Amino acid sequence: MFAALIAALGLAIGLALQGALANFAGDVLILTFHPFRIGDLVEIGGSTGVVEDIQLVNTVLISSVNFAVRPFARIEHYWDVYFDVTEQVKTRFDAEGISFPYPQQDVHVLQAGSDS
């Protein structure tokens, strides 16, 4: 009975640590085989960014798409300031040739008998 209790306890601990151990093993593989290095542009889990730091428990990415501008202003001026800052950022990005791709799908509807 004691052996069965130890086996059940070992199984419970193993299942509880399964995700953590898998993540740890993945991090060790990244540090060992260097599939990417600091400064590389990578896509990981649907997020694209530049590798800033590789550590034992995480990899830090810098993404140019995920940013927010939150201007501080008095309540009565907030929306005017917000829209003004947003317009200035957009105008500057356009001037610098910076654009952001958005997921899109083009649908072309053709009518029967048309040449297009």
C-alpha atoms as a PDB file:
ATOM      1  CA  MET A   1       0.000   0.000   0.000  1.00  0.00           C
ATOM      2  CA  PHE A   2       2.886   2.319   0.784  1.00  0.00           C
ATOM      3  CA  ALA A   3       4.398   1.725  -2.685  1.00  0.00           C
ATOM      4  CA  ALA A   4       1.074   2.564  -4.342  1.00  0.00           C
ATOM      5  CA  LEU A   5       0.884   5.813  -2.346  1.00  0.00           C
ATOM      6  CA  ILE A   6       4.433   6.785  -3.380  1.00  0.00           C
ATOM      7  CA  ALA A   7       3.673   5.925  -7.019  1.00  0.00           C
ATOM      8  CA  ALA A   8       0.480   8.019  -6.976  1.00  0.00           C
ATOM      9  CA  LEU A   9       2.342  10.914  -5.368  1.00  0.00           C
ATOM     10  CA  GLY A  10       5.092  10.667  -7.991  1.00  0.00           C
ATOM     11  CA  LEU A  11       2.517  10.649 -10.782  1.00  0.00           C
ATOM     12  CA  ALA A  12       0.728  13.679  -9.326  1.00  0.00           C
ATOM     13  CA  ILE A  13       3.980  15.629  -9.009  1.00  0.00           C
ATOM     14  CA  GLY A  14       5.031  14.616 -12.510  1.00  0.00           C
ATOM     15  CA  LEU A  15       1.748  15.781 -14.020  1.00  0.00           C
ATOM     16  CA  ALA A  16       1.886  19.034 -12.056  1.00  0.00           C
ATOM     17  CA  LEU A  17       5.407  19.789 -13.300  1.00  0.00           C
ATOM     18  CA  GLN A  18       4.855  18.585 -16.865  1.00  0.00           C
ATOM     19  CA  GLY A  19       4.338  22.042 -18.400  1.00  0.00           C
ATOM     20  CA  ALA A  20       7.105  23.684 -16.394  1.00  0.00           C
ATOM     21  CA  LEU A  21       9.598  20.938 -17.270  1.00  0.00           C
ATOM     22  CA  ALA A  22       8.675  21.112 -20.956  1.00  0.00           C
ATOM     23  CA  ASN A  23       9.222  24.880 -20.966  1.00  0.00           C
ATOM     24  CA  PHE A  24      12.531  24.458 -19.138  1.00  0.00           C
ATOM     25  CA  ALA A  25      13.670  21.819 -21.635  1.00  0.00           C
ATOM     26  CA  GLY A  26      12.706  24.105 -24.524  1.00  0.00           C
ATOM     27  CA  ASP A  27      14.676  26.970 -23.017  1.00  0.00           C
ATOM     28  CA  VAL A  28      17.737  24.737 -22.551  1.00  0.00           C
ATOM     29  CA  LEU A  29      17.487  23.714 -26.223  1.00  0.00           C
ATOM     30  CA  ILE A  30      17.285  27.363 -27.316  1.00  0.00           C
ATOM     31  CA  LEU A  31      20.345  28.240 -25.230  1.00  0.00           C
ATOM     32  CA  THR A  32      22.239  25.161 -26.467  1.00  0.00           C
ATOM     33  CA  PHE A  33      21.497  25.145 -30.201  1.00  0.00           C
ATOM     34  CA  HIS A  34      20.946  28.903 -30.743  1.00  0.00           C
ATOM     35  CA  PRO A  35      18.214  28.667 -33.420  1.00  0.00           C
ATOM     36  CA  PHE A  36      18.070  32.448 -33.182  1.00  0.00           C
ATOM     37  CA  ARG A  37      20.266  35.114 -31.661  1.00  0.00           C
ATOM     38  CA  ILE A  38      19.812  38.540 -30.113  1.00  0.00           C
ATOM     39  CA  GLY A  39      18.898  40.960 -32.893  1.00  0.00           C
ATOM     40  CA  ASP A  40      17.177  38.342 -35.110  1.00  0.00           C
ATOM     41  CA  LEU A  41      13.655  39.009 -36.378  1.00  0.00           C
ATOM     42  CA  VAL A  42      11.509  36.013 -35.388  1.00  0.00           C
ATOM     43  CA  GLU A  43       7.891  34.930 -35.247  1.00  0.00           C
ATOM     44  CA  ILE A  44       7.040  33.033 -32.072  1.00  0.00           C
ATOM     45  CA  GLY A  45       3.540  31.970 -31.156  1.00  0.00           C
ATOM     46  CA  GLY A  46       1.970  34.435 -33.600  1.00  0.00           C
ATOM     47  CA  SER A  47       4.041  37.377 -32.324  1.00  0.00           C
ATOM     48  CA  THR A  48       6.699  38.907 -34.558  1.00  0.00           C
ATOM     49  CA  GLY A  49       9.557  40.896 -33.109  1.00  0.00           C
ATOM     50  CA  VAL A  50      13.282  41.373 -32.687  1.00  0.00           C
ATOM     51  CA  VAL A  51      14.968  39.198 -30.046  1.00  0.00           C
ATOM     52  CA  GLU A  52      16.190  41.500 -27.292  1.00  0.00           C
ATOM     53  CA  ASP A  53      17.270  38.952 -24.677  1.00  0.00           C
ATOM     54  CA  ILE A  54      17.422  35.163 -24.288  1.00  0.00           C
ATOM     55  CA  GLN A  55      17.240  33.872 -20.723  1.00  0.00           C
ATOM     56  CA  LEU A  56      16.793  30.477 -19.145  1.00  0.00           C
ATOM     57  CA  VAL A  57      13.068  30.936 -18.513  1.00  0.00           C
ATOM     58  CA  ASN A  58      12.002  33.377 -21.236  1.00  0.00           C
ATOM     59  CA  THR A  59      12.890  35.122 -24.477  1.00  0.00           C
ATOM     60  CA  VAL A  60      12.195  38.850 -24.724  1.00  0.00           C
ATOM     61  CA  LEU A  61      10.973  40.242 -28.051  1.00  0.00           C
ATOM     62  CA  ILE A  62      10.645  43.860 -29.138  1.00  0.00           C
ATOM     63  CA  SER A  63       7.685  44.331 -31.440  1.00  0.00           C
ATOM     64  CA  SER A  64       7.245  47.519 -33.422  1.00  0.00           C
ATOM     65  CA  VAL A  65       3.537  46.870 -33.894  1.00  0.00           C
ATOM     66  CA  ASN A  66       2.464  46.616 -30.264  1.00  0.00           C
ATOM     67  CA  PHE A  67       2.641  50.125 -28.925  1.00  0.00           C
ATOM     68  CA  ALA A  68       0.275  52.619 -27.392  1.00  0.00           C
ATOM     69  CA  VAL A  69       0.266  56.381 -27.078  1.00  0.00           C
ATOM     70  CA  ARG A  70      -1.571  57.651 -24.026  1.00  0.00           C
ATOM     71  CA  PRO A  71      -1.370  61.420 -23.751  1.00  0.00           C
ATOM     72  CA  PHE A  72      -1.956  63.000 -20.361  1.00  0.00           C
ATOM     73  CA  ALA A  73      -4.258  66.008 -20.465  1.00  0.00           C
ATOM     74  CA  ARG A  74      -7.017  67.596 -18.491  1.00  0.00           C
ATOM     75  CA  ILE A  75     -10.328  65.813 -18.834  1.00  0.00           C
ATOM     76  CA  GLU A  76     -11.924  68.585 -20.850  1.00  0.00           C
ATOM     77  CA  HIS A  77      -9.029  68.523 -23.364  1.00  0.00           C
ATOM     78  CA  TYR A  78      -8.337  64.783 -23.449  1.00  0.00           C
ATOM     79  CA  TRP A  79     -10.070  63.848 -26.720  1.00  0.00           C
ATOM     80  CA  ASP A  80      -8.723  66.872 -28.587  1.00  0.00           C
ATOM     81  CA  VAL A  81      -5.192  66.007 -27.433  1.00  0.00           C
ATOM     82  CA  TYR A  82      -5.700  62.288 -28.130  1.00  0.00           C
ATOM     83  CA  PHE A  83      -6.843  62.827 -31.732  1.00  0.00           C
ATOM     84  CA  ASP A  84      -4.170  65.463 -32.343  1.00  0.00           C
ATOM     85  CA  VAL A  85      -1.392  63.172 -31.112  1.00  0.00           C
ATOM     86  CA  THR A  86      -2.785  60.236 -33.123  1.00  0.00           C
ATOM     87  CA  GLU A  87      -2.833  62.385 -36.261  1.00  0.00           C
ATOM     88  CA  GLN A  88       0.728  63.593 -35.636  1.00  0.00           C
ATOM     89  CA  VAL A  89       1.982  60.022 -35.163  1.00  0.00           C
ATOM     90  CA  LYS A  90       0.229  58.842 -38.344  1.00  0.00           C
ATOM     91  CA  THR A  91       1.552  61.821 -40.346  1.00  0.00           C
ATOM     92  CA  ARG A  92       5.118  61.193 -39.120  1.00  0.00           C
ATOM     93  CA  PHE A  93       4.902  57.464 -39.853  1.00  0.00           C
ATOM     94  CA  ASP A  94       3.673  58.235 -43.376  1.00  0.00           C
ATOM     95  CA  ALA A  95       6.522  60.739 -43.870  1.00  0.00           C
ATOM     96  CA  GLU A  96       9.075  58.124 -42.737  1.00  0.00           C
ATOM     97  CA  GLY A  97       7.539  55.422 -44.946  1.00  0.00           C
ATOM     98  CA  ILE A  98       6.395  53.331 -41.980  1.00  0.00           C
ATOM     99  CA  SER A  99       3.264  51.268 -42.552  1.00  0.00           C
ATOM    100  CA  PHE A 100       1.582  48.479 -40.621  1.00  0.00           C
ATOM    101  CA  PRO A 101       0.236  45.402 -42.395  1.00  0.00           C
ATOM    102  CA  TYR A 102      -3.238  44.353 -41.377  1.00  0.00           C
ATOM    103  CA  PRO A 103      -4.811  40.977 -42.099  1.00  0.00           C
ATOM    104  CA  GLN A 104      -7.074  41.396 -45.084  1.00  0.00           C
ATOM    105  CA  GLN A 105      -8.729  39.386 -47.781  1.00  0.00           C
ATOM    106  CA  ASP A 106      -9.737  40.661 -51.203  1.00  0.00           C
ATOM    107  CA  VAL A 107     -12.946  39.248 -52.624  1.00  0.00           C
ATOM    108  CA  HIS A 108     -13.631  39.573 -56.349  1.00  0.00           C
ATOM    109  CA  VAL A 109     -17.203  38.906 -57.460  1.00  0.00           C
ATOM    110  CA  LEU A 110     -17.541  37.858 -61.071  1.00  0.00           C
ATOM    111  CA  GLN A 111     -20.835  37.708 -62.862  1.00  0.00           C
ATOM    112  CA  ALA A 112     -21.579  34.824 -65.217  1.00  0.00           C
ATOM    113  CA  GLY A 113     -20.694  35.718 -68.788  1.00  0.00           C
ATOM    114  CA  SER A 114     -18.438  38.669 -67.910  1.00  0.00           C
ATOM    115  CA  ASP A 115     -14.957  38.916 -69.430  1.00  0.00           C
ATOM    116  CA  SER A 116     -13.280  39.921 -66.144  1.00  0.00           C
END
